[in-house]
Amino acid sequence: MARVKVVMPVFDLSCGGGGSRLVEHVVRKLPGVADVYVNPATEMAYVDYDPSRLTSEQIAEAIGSAGYKTSLPARVLREVDA
């Protein structure tokens, strides 16, 4: 199964980590998300997901629904699961 890893900016996160945990929680609920990590210091979200079930646009919409702005992925990396 092919998976995609994207790196997306998440603007205006606080250093306290509350915003990053909220974004992780919202994105993790999306269908096809295998893993998500948001670094509040760099304001970047790292999302590993199944592209047959989810798009980067849907991830961006979820981040927006959590009250944060983003843009489409800064980087897209593809990998194949063994």
C-alpha atoms as a PDB file:
ATOM      1  CA  MET A   1       0.000   0.000   0.000  1.00  0.00           C
ATOM      2  CA  ALA A   2       1.396   3.392  -0.959  1.00  0.00           C
ATOM      3  CA  ARG A   3       1.508   6.089   1.667  1.00  0.00           C
ATOM      4  CA  VAL A   4       2.327   9.755   1.387  1.00  0.00           C
ATOM      5  CA  LYS A   5       4.214  11.851   3.900  1.00  0.00           C
ATOM      6  CA  VAL A   6       3.647  15.585   3.799  1.00  0.00           C
ATOM      7  CA  VAL A   7       5.186  18.461   5.689  1.00  0.00           C
ATOM      8  CA  MET A   8       2.786  21.392   6.086  1.00  0.00           C
ATOM      9  CA  PRO A   9       3.260  24.725   7.866  1.00  0.00           C
ATOM     10  CA  VAL A  10       0.814  25.551  10.661  1.00  0.00           C
ATOM     11  CA  PHE A  11       0.867  29.276  11.339  1.00  0.00           C
ATOM     12  CA  ASP A  12       0.583  30.993  14.730  1.00  0.00           C
ATOM     13  CA  LEU A  13       1.028  27.988  17.014  1.00  0.00           C
ATOM     14  CA  SER A  14       1.959  28.854  20.569  1.00  0.00           C
ATOM     15  CA  CYS A  15       5.104  27.462  22.134  1.00  0.00           C
ATOM     16  CA  GLY A  16       3.059  25.934  24.962  1.00  0.00           C
ATOM     17  CA  GLY A  17       2.044  23.018  22.767  1.00  0.00           C
ATOM     18  CA  GLY A  18      -1.734  23.286  23.210  1.00  0.00           C
ATOM     19  CA  GLY A  19      -2.287  24.267  19.600  1.00  0.00           C
ATOM     20  CA  SER A  20      -0.039  21.531  18.286  1.00  0.00           C
ATOM     21  CA  ARG A  21      -1.893  18.903  20.335  1.00  0.00           C
ATOM     22  CA  LEU A  22      -5.231  20.201  19.036  1.00  0.00           C
ATOM     23  CA  VAL A  23      -4.073  20.035  15.414  1.00  0.00           C
ATOM     24  CA  GLU A  24      -2.679  16.522  15.960  1.00  0.00           C
ATOM     25  CA  HIS A  25      -5.997  15.420  17.473  1.00  0.00           C
ATOM     26  CA  VAL A  26      -8.079  16.819  14.608  1.00  0.00           C
ATOM     27  CA  VAL A  27      -5.828  15.436  11.862  1.00  0.00           C
ATOM     28  CA  ARG A  28      -5.484  12.031  13.529  1.00  0.00           C
ATOM     29  CA  LYS A  29      -9.285  11.578  13.270  1.00  0.00           C
ATOM     30  CA  LEU A  30      -9.209  11.825   9.460  1.00  0.00           C
ATOM     31  CA  PRO A  31      -9.660   8.552   7.539  1.00  0.00           C
ATOM     32  CA  GLY A  32      -6.378   7.193   6.228  1.00  0.00           C
ATOM     33  CA  VAL A  33      -4.031   9.023   8.622  1.00  0.00           C
ATOM     34  CA  ALA A  34      -1.327   6.641   9.826  1.00  0.00           C
ATOM     35  CA  ASP A  35       0.689   9.137  11.874  1.00  0.00           C
ATOM     36  CA  VAL A  36       0.782  12.861  12.625  1.00  0.00           C
ATOM     37  CA  TYR A  37       3.216  15.037  14.559  1.00  0.00           C
ATOM     38  CA  VAL A  38       3.086  18.824  14.930  1.00  0.00           C
ATOM     39  CA  ASN A  39       6.213  20.629  16.104  1.00  0.00           C
ATOM     40  CA  PRO A  40       5.206  23.890  17.832  1.00  0.00           C
ATOM     41  CA  ALA A  41       8.753  25.302  17.664  1.00  0.00           C
ATOM     42  CA  THR A  42       9.008  24.989  13.876  1.00  0.00           C
ATOM     43  CA  GLU A  43       5.256  25.336  13.243  1.00  0.00           C
ATOM     44  CA  MET A  44       5.294  22.327  10.934  1.00  0.00           C
ATOM     45  CA  ALA A  45       2.908  19.363  10.712  1.00  0.00           C
ATOM     46  CA  TYR A  46       4.237  15.986   9.566  1.00  0.00           C
ATOM     47  CA  VAL A  47       1.456  13.729   8.297  1.00  0.00           C
ATOM     48  CA  ASP A  48       1.748  10.159   7.008  1.00  0.00           C
ATOM     49  CA  TYR A  49      -1.434   9.030   5.234  1.00  0.00           C
ATOM     50  CA  ASP A  50      -3.046   6.819   2.594  1.00  0.00           C
ATOM     51  CA  PRO A  51      -3.630   8.960  -0.526  1.00  0.00           C
ATOM     52  CA  SER A  52      -6.453   6.690  -1.704  1.00  0.00           C
ATOM     53  CA  ARG A  53      -8.485   7.799   1.335  1.00  0.00           C
ATOM     54  CA  LEU A  54      -7.356  11.384   1.914  1.00  0.00           C
ATOM     55  CA  THR A  55      -5.887  14.426   0.152  1.00  0.00           C
ATOM     56  CA  SER A  56      -3.555  17.127   1.384  1.00  0.00           C
ATOM     57  CA  GLU A  57      -6.369  19.614   0.772  1.00  0.00           C
ATOM     58  CA  GLN A  58      -8.556  17.716   3.264  1.00  0.00           C
ATOM     59  CA  ILE A  59      -5.730  17.804   5.800  1.00  0.00           C
ATOM     60  CA  ALA A  60      -5.432  21.575   5.284  1.00  0.00           C
ATOM     61  CA  GLU A  61      -9.205  21.933   5.801  1.00  0.00           C
ATOM     62  CA  ALA A  62      -8.986  19.969   9.070  1.00  0.00           C
ATOM     63  CA  ILE A  63      -6.176  22.215  10.293  1.00  0.00           C
ATOM     64  CA  GLY A  64      -8.340  25.216   9.405  1.00  0.00           C
ATOM     65  CA  SER A  65     -11.276  23.747  11.327  1.00  0.00           C
ATOM     66  CA  ALA A  66      -9.003  23.651  14.392  1.00  0.00           C
ATOM     67  CA  GLY A  67      -8.568  27.419  14.039  1.00  0.00           C
ATOM     68  CA  TYR A  68      -5.121  27.518  12.427  1.00  0.00           C
ATOM     69  CA  LYS A  69      -3.958  28.618   9.012  1.00  0.00           C
ATOM     70  CA  THR A  70      -1.826  26.473   6.747  1.00  0.00           C
ATOM     71  CA  SER A  71      -0.839  26.176   3.136  1.00  0.00           C
ATOM     72  CA  LEU A  72      -0.550  23.155   0.923  1.00  0.00           C
ATOM     73  CA  PRO A  73       2.357  20.868   1.710  1.00  0.00           C
ATOM     74  CA  ALA A  74       5.836  22.293   1.742  1.00  0.00           C
ATOM     75  CA  ARG A  75       7.143  18.834   0.873  1.00  0.00           C
ATOM     76  CA  VAL A  76       5.534  15.619  -0.325  1.00  0.00           C
ATOM     77  CA  LEU A  77       7.422  12.363   0.072  1.00  0.00           C
ATOM     78  CA  ARG A  78       6.084   9.037  -1.182  1.00  0.00           C
ATOM     79  CA  GLU A  79       6.961   5.696   0.291  1.00  0.00           C
ATOM     80  CA  VAL A  80       5.781   2.129  -0.107  1.00  0.00           C
ATOM     81  CA  ASP A  81       4.935  -0.009   2.908  1.00  0.00           C
ATOM     82  CA  ALA A  82       6.380  -3.484   2.917  1.00  0.00           C
END
